[in-house]
PDB file of N, CA and C in Angstrom:
ATOM      1  N   UNK A   1      44.388 -59.174 -13.667  1.00  0.00           N
ATOM      2  CA  UNK A   1      43.190 -59.896 -12.936  1.00  0.00           C
ATOM      3  C   UNK A   1      42.026 -59.123 -12.981  1.00  0.00           C
ATOM      4  N   UNK A   2      42.264 -58.042 -12.995  1.00  0.00           N
ATOM      5  CA  UNK A   2      40.523 -57.397 -12.907  1.00  0.00           C
ATOM      6  C   UNK A   2      39.713 -58.271 -13.971  1.00  0.00           C
ATOM      7  N   UNK A   3      40.237 -58.759 -15.246  1.00  0.00           N
ATOM      8  CA  UNK A   3      39.621 -59.460 -16.448  1.00  0.00           C
ATOM      9  C   UNK A   3      38.819 -61.242 -15.514  1.00  0.00           C
ATOM     10  N   UNK A   4      40.061 -61.259 -14.879  1.00  0.00           N
ATOM     11  CA  UNK A   4      39.766 -62.606 -14.140  1.00  0.00           C
ATOM     12  C   UNK A   4      38.175 -62.298 -12.831  1.00  0.00           C
ATOM     13  N   UNK A   5      38.588 -61.335 -12.457  1.00  0.00           N
ATOM     14  CA  UNK A   5      37.827 -61.005 -11.445  1.00  0.00           C
ATOM     15  C   UNK A   5      36.128 -61.004 -12.213  1.00  0.00           C
ATOM     16  N   UNK A   6      36.514 -60.005 -13.231  1.00  0.00           N
ATOM     17  CA  UNK A   6      35.004 -59.637 -13.974  1.00  0.00           C
ATOM     18  C   UNK A   6      34.636 -60.939 -14.728  1.00  0.00           C
ATOM     19  N   UNK A   7      35.029 -61.413 -15.592  1.00  0.00           N
ATOM     20  CA  UNK A   7      34.825 -63.350 -15.774  1.00  0.00           C
ATOM     21  C   UNK A   7      33.451 -63.953 -14.588  1.00  0.00           C
ATOM     22  N   UNK A   8      34.233 -63.881 -13.228  1.00  0.00           N
ATOM     23  CA  UNK A   8      34.294 -64.739 -12.428  1.00  0.00           C
ATOM     24  C   UNK A   8      32.806 -63.754 -12.262  1.00  0.00           C
ATOM     25  N   UNK A   9      32.335 -62.250 -12.043  1.00  0.00           N
ATOM     26  CA  UNK A   9      31.304 -61.844 -11.457  1.00  0.00           C
ATOM     27  C   UNK A   9      30.177 -62.645 -12.634  1.00  0.00           C
ATOM     28  N   UNK A  10      30.698 -62.399 -14.581  1.00  0.00           N
ATOM     29  CA  UNK A  10      29.837 -63.077 -15.218  1.00  0.00           C
ATOM     30  C   UNK A  10      29.259 -64.272 -15.263  1.00  0.00           C
ATOM     31  N   UNK A  11      29.909 -65.028 -14.728  1.00  0.00           N
ATOM     32  CA  UNK A  11      29.369 -66.238 -14.474  1.00  0.00           C
ATOM     33  C   UNK A  11      28.913 -66.537 -13.566  1.00  0.00           C
ATOM     34  N   UNK A  12      29.178 -66.011 -12.485  1.00  0.00           N
ATOM     35  CA  UNK A  12      28.010 -65.890 -10.895  1.00  0.00           C
ATOM     36  C   UNK A  12      26.434 -65.692 -11.503  1.00  0.00           C
ATOM     37  N   UNK A  13      26.656 -64.201 -12.012  1.00  0.00           N
ATOM     38  CA  UNK A  13      25.378 -63.277 -12.335  1.00  0.00           C
ATOM     39  C   UNK A  13      24.758 -64.244 -13.615  1.00  0.00           C
ATOM     40  N   UNK A  14      24.930 -64.650 -14.664  1.00  0.00           N
ATOM     41  CA  UNK A  14      24.443 -65.552 -15.440  1.00  0.00           C
ATOM     42  C   UNK A  14      24.231 -66.461 -14.804  1.00  0.00           C
ATOM     43  N   UNK A  15      24.654 -67.136 -13.930  1.00  0.00           N
ATOM     44  CA  UNK A  15      23.751 -68.801 -13.435  1.00  0.00           C
ATOM     45  C   UNK A  15      23.093 -68.439 -12.427  1.00  0.00           C
ATOM     46  N   UNK A  16      22.920 -66.876 -11.911  1.00  0.00           N
ATOM     47  CA  UNK A  16      21.397 -66.653 -11.278  1.00  0.00           C
ATOM     48  C   UNK A  16      20.424 -66.334 -11.385  1.00  0.00           C
ATOM     49  N   UNK A  17      20.352 -65.672 -12.946  1.00  0.00           N
ATOM     50  CA  UNK A  17      19.396 -65.002 -13.617  1.00  0.00           C
ATOM     51  C   UNK A  17      18.819 -66.355 -14.164  1.00  0.00           C
ATOM     52  N   UNK A  18      19.477 -67.332 -14.942  1.00  0.00           N
ATOM     53  CA  UNK A  18      18.873 -68.612 -15.907  1.00  0.00           C
ATOM     54  C   UNK A  18      18.380 -69.333 -14.745  1.00  0.00           C
ATOM     55  N   UNK A  19      18.870 -69.389 -13.286  1.00  0.00           N
ATOM     56  CA  UNK A  19      17.274 -70.241 -12.270  1.00  0.00           C
ATOM     57  C   UNK A  19      16.492 -69.877 -11.899  1.00  0.00           C
ATOM     58  N   UNK A  20      16.149 -68.471 -12.235  1.00  0.00           N
ATOM     59  CA  UNK A  20      14.743 -67.666 -12.375  1.00  0.00           C
ATOM     60  C   UNK A  20      14.291 -67.347 -12.812  1.00  0.00           C
ATOM     61  N   UNK A  21      14.307 -68.176 -14.671  1.00  0.00           N
ATOM     62  CA  UNK A  21      13.035 -68.739 -15.614  1.00  0.00           C
ATOM     63  C   UNK A  21      12.717 -69.509 -14.973  1.00  0.00           C
ATOM     64  N   UNK A  22      11.281 -69.291 -15.598  1.00  0.00           N
ATOM     65  CA  UNK A  22      10.245 -70.164 -14.580  1.00  0.00           C
ATOM     66  C   UNK A  22       9.591 -71.067 -15.710  1.00  0.00           C
ATOM     67  N   UNK A  23       9.196 -72.394 -16.070  1.00  0.00           N
ATOM     68  CA  UNK A  23       8.800 -73.104 -16.561  1.00  0.00           C
ATOM     69  C   UNK A  23       6.849 -72.799 -16.825  1.00  0.00           C
ATOM     70  N   UNK A  24       6.280 -72.483 -18.229  1.00  0.00           N
ATOM     71  CA  UNK A  24       5.118 -72.277 -17.752  1.00  0.00           C
ATOM     72  C   UNK A  24       4.069 -73.640 -18.313  1.00  0.00           C
ATOM     73  N   UNK A  25       4.103 -74.330 -17.701  1.00  0.00           N
ATOM     74  CA  UNK A  25       3.240 -75.752 -18.113  1.00  0.00           C
ATOM     75  C   UNK A  25       1.978 -75.585 -19.171  1.00  0.00           C
ATOM     76  N   UNK A  26       2.681 -76.662 -20.184  1.00  0.00           N
ATOM     77  CA  UNK A  26       1.063 -76.458 -20.957  1.00  0.00           C
ATOM     78  C   UNK A  26      -0.079 -76.429 -20.888  1.00  0.00           C
ATOM     79  N   UNK A  27      -1.221 -75.978 -21.570  1.00  0.00           N
ATOM     80  CA  UNK A  27      -2.698 -75.055 -21.845  1.00  0.00           C
ATOM     81  C   UNK A  27      -3.525 -76.781 -22.534  1.00  0.00           C
ATOM     82  N   UNK A  28      -4.283 -77.097 -21.482  1.00  0.00           N
ATOM     83  CA  UNK A  28      -4.940 -78.168 -22.669  1.00  0.00           C
ATOM     84  C   UNK A  28      -6.641 -78.061 -22.244  1.00  0.00           C
ATOM     85  N   UNK A  29      -7.859 -78.073 -22.769  1.00  0.00           N
ATOM     86  CA  UNK A  29      -8.945 -77.940 -22.925  1.00  0.00           C
ATOM     87  C   UNK A  29      -9.578 -79.546 -22.572  1.00  0.00           C
ATOM     88  N   UNK A  30     -10.199 -79.192 -21.945  1.00  0.00           N
ATOM     89  CA  UNK A  30     -11.210 -80.466 -21.475  1.00  0.00           C
ATOM     90  C   UNK A  30     -12.805 -80.598 -22.100  1.00  0.00           C
ATOM     91  N   UNK A  31     -14.052 -81.112 -21.580  1.00  0.00           N
ATOM     92  CA  UNK A  31     -14.893 -80.698 -21.541  1.00  0.00           C
ATOM     93  C   UNK A  31     -15.263 -80.771 -20.608  1.00  0.00           C
ATOM     94  N   UNK A  32     -16.666 -80.088 -19.894  1.00  0.00           N
ATOM     95  CA  UNK A  32     -16.790 -80.630 -18.464  1.00  0.00           C
ATOM     96  C   UNK A  32     -18.430 -81.387 -18.534  1.00  0.00           C
ATOM     97  N   UNK A  33     -18.570 -82.174 -19.888  1.00  0.00           N
ATOM     98  CA  UNK A  33     -19.139 -83.239 -19.891  1.00  0.00           C
ATOM     99  C   UNK A  33     -19.218 -84.660 -19.074  1.00  0.00           C
ATOM    100  N   UNK A  34     -20.960 -85.087 -18.782  1.00  0.00           N
ATOM    101  CA  UNK A  34     -20.548 -86.051 -18.107  1.00  0.00           C
ATOM    102  C   UNK A  34     -19.864 -87.408 -18.921  1.00  0.00           C
ATOM    103  N   UNK A  35     -19.291 -87.730 -19.878  1.00  0.00           N
ATOM    104  CA  UNK A  35     -18.735 -88.220 -20.552  1.00  0.00           C
ATOM    105  C   UNK A  35     -17.661 -88.238 -20.762  1.00  0.00           C
ATOM    106  N   UNK A  36     -16.984 -86.822 -20.706  1.00  0.00           N
ATOM    107  CA  UNK A  36     -15.945 -86.671 -21.227  1.00  0.00           C
ATOM    108  C   UNK A  36     -14.590 -87.201 -20.751  1.00  0.00           C
ATOM    109  N   UNK A  37     -13.613 -87.523 -21.587  1.00  0.00           N
ATOM    110  CA  UNK A  37     -12.455 -88.646 -21.005  1.00  0.00           C
ATOM    111  C   UNK A  37     -11.338 -88.335 -20.846  1.00  0.00           C
ATOM    112  N   UNK A  38     -10.880 -87.009 -22.150  1.00  0.00           N
ATOM    113  CA  UNK A  38      -9.845 -86.642 -23.150  1.00  0.00           C
ATOM    114  C   UNK A  38      -9.316 -85.265 -23.236  1.00  0.00           C
ATOM    115  N   UNK A  39      -8.346 -84.556 -23.226  1.00  0.00           N
ATOM    116  CA  UNK A  39      -8.158 -83.308 -23.256  1.00  0.00           C
ATOM    117  C   UNK A  39      -7.350 -83.127 -24.450  1.00  0.00           C
ATOM    118  N   UNK A  40      -7.463 -81.624 -24.823  1.00  0.00           N
ATOM    119  CA  UNK A  40      -7.031 -81.490 -26.340  1.00  0.00           C
ATOM    120  C   UNK A  40      -6.303 -80.059 -25.750  1.00  0.00           C
ATOM    121  N   UNK A  41      -5.211 -80.918 -27.237  1.00  0.00           N
ATOM    122  CA  UNK A  41      -3.946 -79.327 -27.778  1.00  0.00           C
ATOM    123  C   UNK A  41      -4.590 -77.623 -27.612  1.00  0.00           C
ATOM    124  N   UNK A  42      -5.977 -78.014 -28.551  1.00  0.00           N
ATOM    125  CA  UNK A  42      -6.511 -76.525 -28.823  1.00  0.00           C
ATOM    126  C   UNK A  42      -8.063 -76.658 -29.028  1.00  0.00           C
ATOM    127  N   UNK A  43      -8.529 -75.831 -28.754  1.00  0.00           N
ATOM    128  CA  UNK A  43      -9.653 -75.230 -28.904  1.00  0.00           C
ATOM    129  C   UNK A  43     -10.832 -75.603 -29.561  1.00  0.00           C
ATOM    130  N   UNK A  44     -10.124 -75.544 -30.808  1.00  0.00           N
ATOM    131  CA  UNK A  44     -11.185 -76.034 -31.827  1.00  0.00           C
ATOM    132  C   UNK A  44     -10.751 -77.592 -32.800  1.00  0.00           C
ATOM    133  N   UNK A  45     -10.280 -78.329 -31.436  1.00  0.00           N
ATOM    134  CA  UNK A  45      -9.956 -80.146 -32.172  1.00  0.00           C
ATOM    135  C   UNK A  45     -11.495 -80.047 -32.377  1.00  0.00           C
ATOM    136  N   UNK A  46     -11.360 -81.148 -33.255  1.00  0.00           N
ATOM    137  CA  UNK A  46     -12.508 -81.636 -34.204  1.00  0.00           C
ATOM    138  C   UNK A  46     -13.434 -82.648 -32.844  1.00  0.00           C
ATOM    139  N   UNK A  47     -12.504 -83.270 -31.357  1.00  0.00           N
ATOM    140  CA  UNK A  47     -13.429 -84.069 -30.199  1.00  0.00           C
ATOM    141  C   UNK A  47     -13.961 -83.080 -29.861  1.00  0.00           C
ATOM    142  N   UNK A  48     -13.630 -82.329 -29.623  1.00  0.00           N
ATOM    143  CA  UNK A  48     -14.685 -81.224 -28.854  1.00  0.00           C
ATOM    144  C   UNK A  48     -16.015 -81.079 -29.541  1.00  0.00           C
ATOM    145  N   UNK A  49     -16.323 -81.460 -30.521  1.00  0.00           N
ATOM    146  CA  UNK A  49     -17.473 -80.333 -31.362  1.00  0.00           C
ATOM    147  C   UNK A  49     -18.476 -80.912 -30.536  1.00  0.00           C
ATOM    148  N   UNK A  50     -18.518 -82.236 -30.506  1.00  0.00           N
ATOM    149  CA  UNK A  50     -19.926 -82.698 -30.066  1.00  0.00           C
ATOM    150  C   UNK A  50     -19.876 -83.013 -27.683  1.00  0.00           C
ATOM    151  N   UNK A  51     -19.348 -81.972 -27.704  1.00  0.00           N
ATOM    152  CA  UNK A  51     -18.984 -81.593 -25.816  1.00  0.00           C
ATOM    153  C   UNK A  51     -20.644 -81.104 -25.509  1.00  0.00           C
ATOM    154  N   UNK A  52     -21.313 -81.931 -25.048  1.00  0.00           N
ATOM    155  CA  UNK A  52     -22.322 -81.717 -23.845  1.00  0.00           C
ATOM    156  C   UNK A  52     -22.683 -80.629 -23.073  1.00  0.00           C
ATOM    157  N   UNK A  53     -21.202 -80.273 -22.290  1.00  0.00           N
ATOM    158  CA  UNK A  53     -21.391 -79.547 -21.152  1.00  0.00           C
ATOM    159  C   UNK A  53     -20.080 -78.188 -21.812  1.00  0.00           C
ATOM    160  N   UNK A  54     -19.056 -77.206 -20.953  1.00  0.00           N
ATOM    161  CA  UNK A  54     -18.498 -75.831 -21.316  1.00  0.00           C
ATOM    162  C   UNK A  54     -17.423 -76.624 -21.891  1.00  0.00           C
ATOM    163  N   UNK A  55     -16.243 -76.199 -22.425  1.00  0.00           N
ATOM    164  CA  UNK A  55     -14.934 -76.485 -22.914  1.00  0.00           C
ATOM    165  C   UNK A  55     -14.374 -75.384 -21.701  1.00  0.00           C
ATOM    166  N   UNK A  56     -13.354 -76.133 -21.242  1.00  0.00           N
ATOM    167  CA  UNK A  56     -12.742 -75.234 -19.754  1.00  0.00           C
ATOM    168  C   UNK A  56     -11.097 -75.194 -20.007  1.00  0.00           C
ATOM    169  N   UNK A  57     -10.403 -74.652 -20.384  1.00  0.00           N
ATOM    170  CA  UNK A  57      -8.957 -74.192 -19.847  1.00  0.00           C
ATOM    171  C   UNK A  57      -8.052 -75.070 -18.684  1.00  0.00           C
ATOM    172  N   UNK A  58      -7.320 -75.668 -18.760  1.00  0.00           N
ATOM    173  CA  UNK A  58      -6.825 -75.960 -17.564  1.00  0.00           C
ATOM    174  C   UNK A  58      -4.950 -76.467 -18.114  1.00  0.00           C
ATOM    175  N   UNK A  59      -4.258 -76.771 -16.787  1.00  0.00           N
ATOM    176  CA  UNK A  59      -3.243 -77.498 -17.323  1.00  0.00           C
ATOM    177  C   UNK A  59      -2.969 -79.057 -17.652  1.00  0.00           C
ATOM    178  N   UNK A  60      -1.890 -79.132 -17.874  1.00  0.00           N
ATOM    179  CA  UNK A  60      -2.058 -80.959 -18.046  1.00  0.00           C
ATOM    180  C   UNK A  60      -2.458 -81.430 -17.390  1.00  0.00           C
ATOM    181  N   UNK A  61      -0.979 -81.657 -16.141  1.00  0.00           N
ATOM    182  CA  UNK A  61      -0.571 -82.027 -14.961  1.00  0.00           C
ATOM    183  C   UNK A  61      -2.650 -81.947 -13.630  1.00  0.00           C
ATOM    184  N   UNK A  62      -3.393 -81.391 -14.234  1.00  0.00           N
ATOM    185  CA  UNK A  62      -4.088 -81.034 -13.906  1.00  0.00           C
ATOM    186  C   UNK A  62      -5.464 -81.428 -13.988  1.00  0.00           C
ATOM    187  N   UNK A  63      -5.095 -81.757 -15.842  1.00  0.00           N
ATOM    188  CA  UNK A  63      -5.804 -82.474 -16.589  1.00  0.00           C
ATOM    189  C   UNK A  63      -6.045 -84.205 -16.548  1.00  0.00           C
ATOM    190  N   UNK A  64      -5.004 -84.494 -15.852  1.00  0.00           N
ATOM    191  CA  UNK A  64      -4.076 -85.721 -16.216  1.00  0.00           C
ATOM    192  C   UNK A  64      -4.925 -85.810 -14.484  1.00  0.00           C
ATOM    193  N   UNK A  65      -4.690 -85.537 -13.720  1.00  0.00           N
ATOM    194  CA  UNK A  65      -5.341 -85.666 -12.481  1.00  0.00           C
ATOM    195  C   UNK A  65      -6.776 -85.668 -12.467  1.00  0.00           C
ATOM    196  N   UNK A  66      -7.444 -85.033 -12.797  1.00  0.00           N
ATOM    197  CA  UNK A  66      -8.777 -85.265 -13.413  1.00  0.00           C
ATOM    198  C   UNK A  66      -9.221 -87.014 -13.653  1.00  0.00           C
ATOM    199  N   UNK A  67      -8.247 -87.708 -14.412  1.00  0.00           N
ATOM    200  CA  UNK A  67      -8.554 -88.911 -14.775  1.00  0.00           C
ATOM    201  C   UNK A  67      -9.077 -88.068 -16.497  1.00  0.00           C
ATOM    202  N   UNK A  68      -8.313 -87.369 -17.157  1.00  0.00           N
ATOM    203  CA  UNK A  68      -8.524 -87.244 -18.520  1.00  0.00           C
ATOM    204  C   UNK A  68      -6.812 -88.051 -19.439  1.00  0.00           C
ATOM    205  N   UNK A  69      -7.081 -88.654 -20.625  1.00  0.00           N
ATOM    206  CA  UNK A  69      -6.061 -89.382 -21.163  1.00  0.00           C
ATOM    207  C   UNK A  69      -5.710 -88.001 -23.044  1.00  0.00           C
ATOM    208  N   UNK A  70      -5.142 -88.223 -23.191  1.00  0.00           N
ATOM    209  CA  UNK A  70      -5.300 -87.091 -24.468  1.00  0.00           C
ATOM    210  C   UNK A  70      -6.328 -88.053 -25.265  1.00  0.00           C
ATOM    211  N   UNK A  71      -5.874 -86.870 -26.036  1.00  0.00           N
ATOM    212  CA  UNK A  71      -6.699 -86.740 -27.216  1.00  0.00           C
ATOM    213  C   UNK A  71      -6.208 -87.625 -28.738  1.00  0.00           C
ATOM    214  N   UNK A  72      -6.514 -88.476 -29.495  1.00  0.00           N
ATOM    215  CA  UNK A  72      -6.175 -89.133 -30.601  1.00  0.00           C
ATOM    216  C   UNK A  72      -5.931 -88.474 -32.280  1.00  0.00           C
ATOM    217  N   UNK A  73      -6.634 -87.357 -31.495  1.00  0.00           N
ATOM    218  CA  UNK A  73      -7.039 -86.969 -33.610  1.00  0.00           C
ATOM    219  C   UNK A  73      -5.833 -85.451 -32.391  1.00  0.00           C
ATOM    220  N   UNK A  74      -5.662 -84.960 -31.643  1.00  0.00           N
ATOM    221  CA  UNK A  74      -5.308 -83.242 -32.016  1.00  0.00           C
ATOM    222  C   UNK A  74      -3.403 -84.065 -30.941  1.00  0.00           C
ATOM    223  N   UNK A  75      -3.080 -85.172 -30.758  1.00  0.00           N
ATOM    224  CA  UNK A  75      -1.869 -85.514 -29.743  1.00  0.00           C
ATOM    225  C   UNK A  75      -1.575 -86.396 -30.587  1.00  0.00           C
TER     226      UNK A  75
END
């Protein structure tokens, strides 16, 4: 009986721990220049070499909401 209670308690606690894990969204890089339309996986992607603005780090969902699409070089 003790084993059954301990097993049930362990099962309940393990479920609670796994639900607390937060997912981290991927970080991407964009150029803030007026003609920039792509987001990049790395800050060193050669697609960012001609960036006329600054390079900014943000989440994928934020980049997509601003109208950016994935770079064909690094994705």
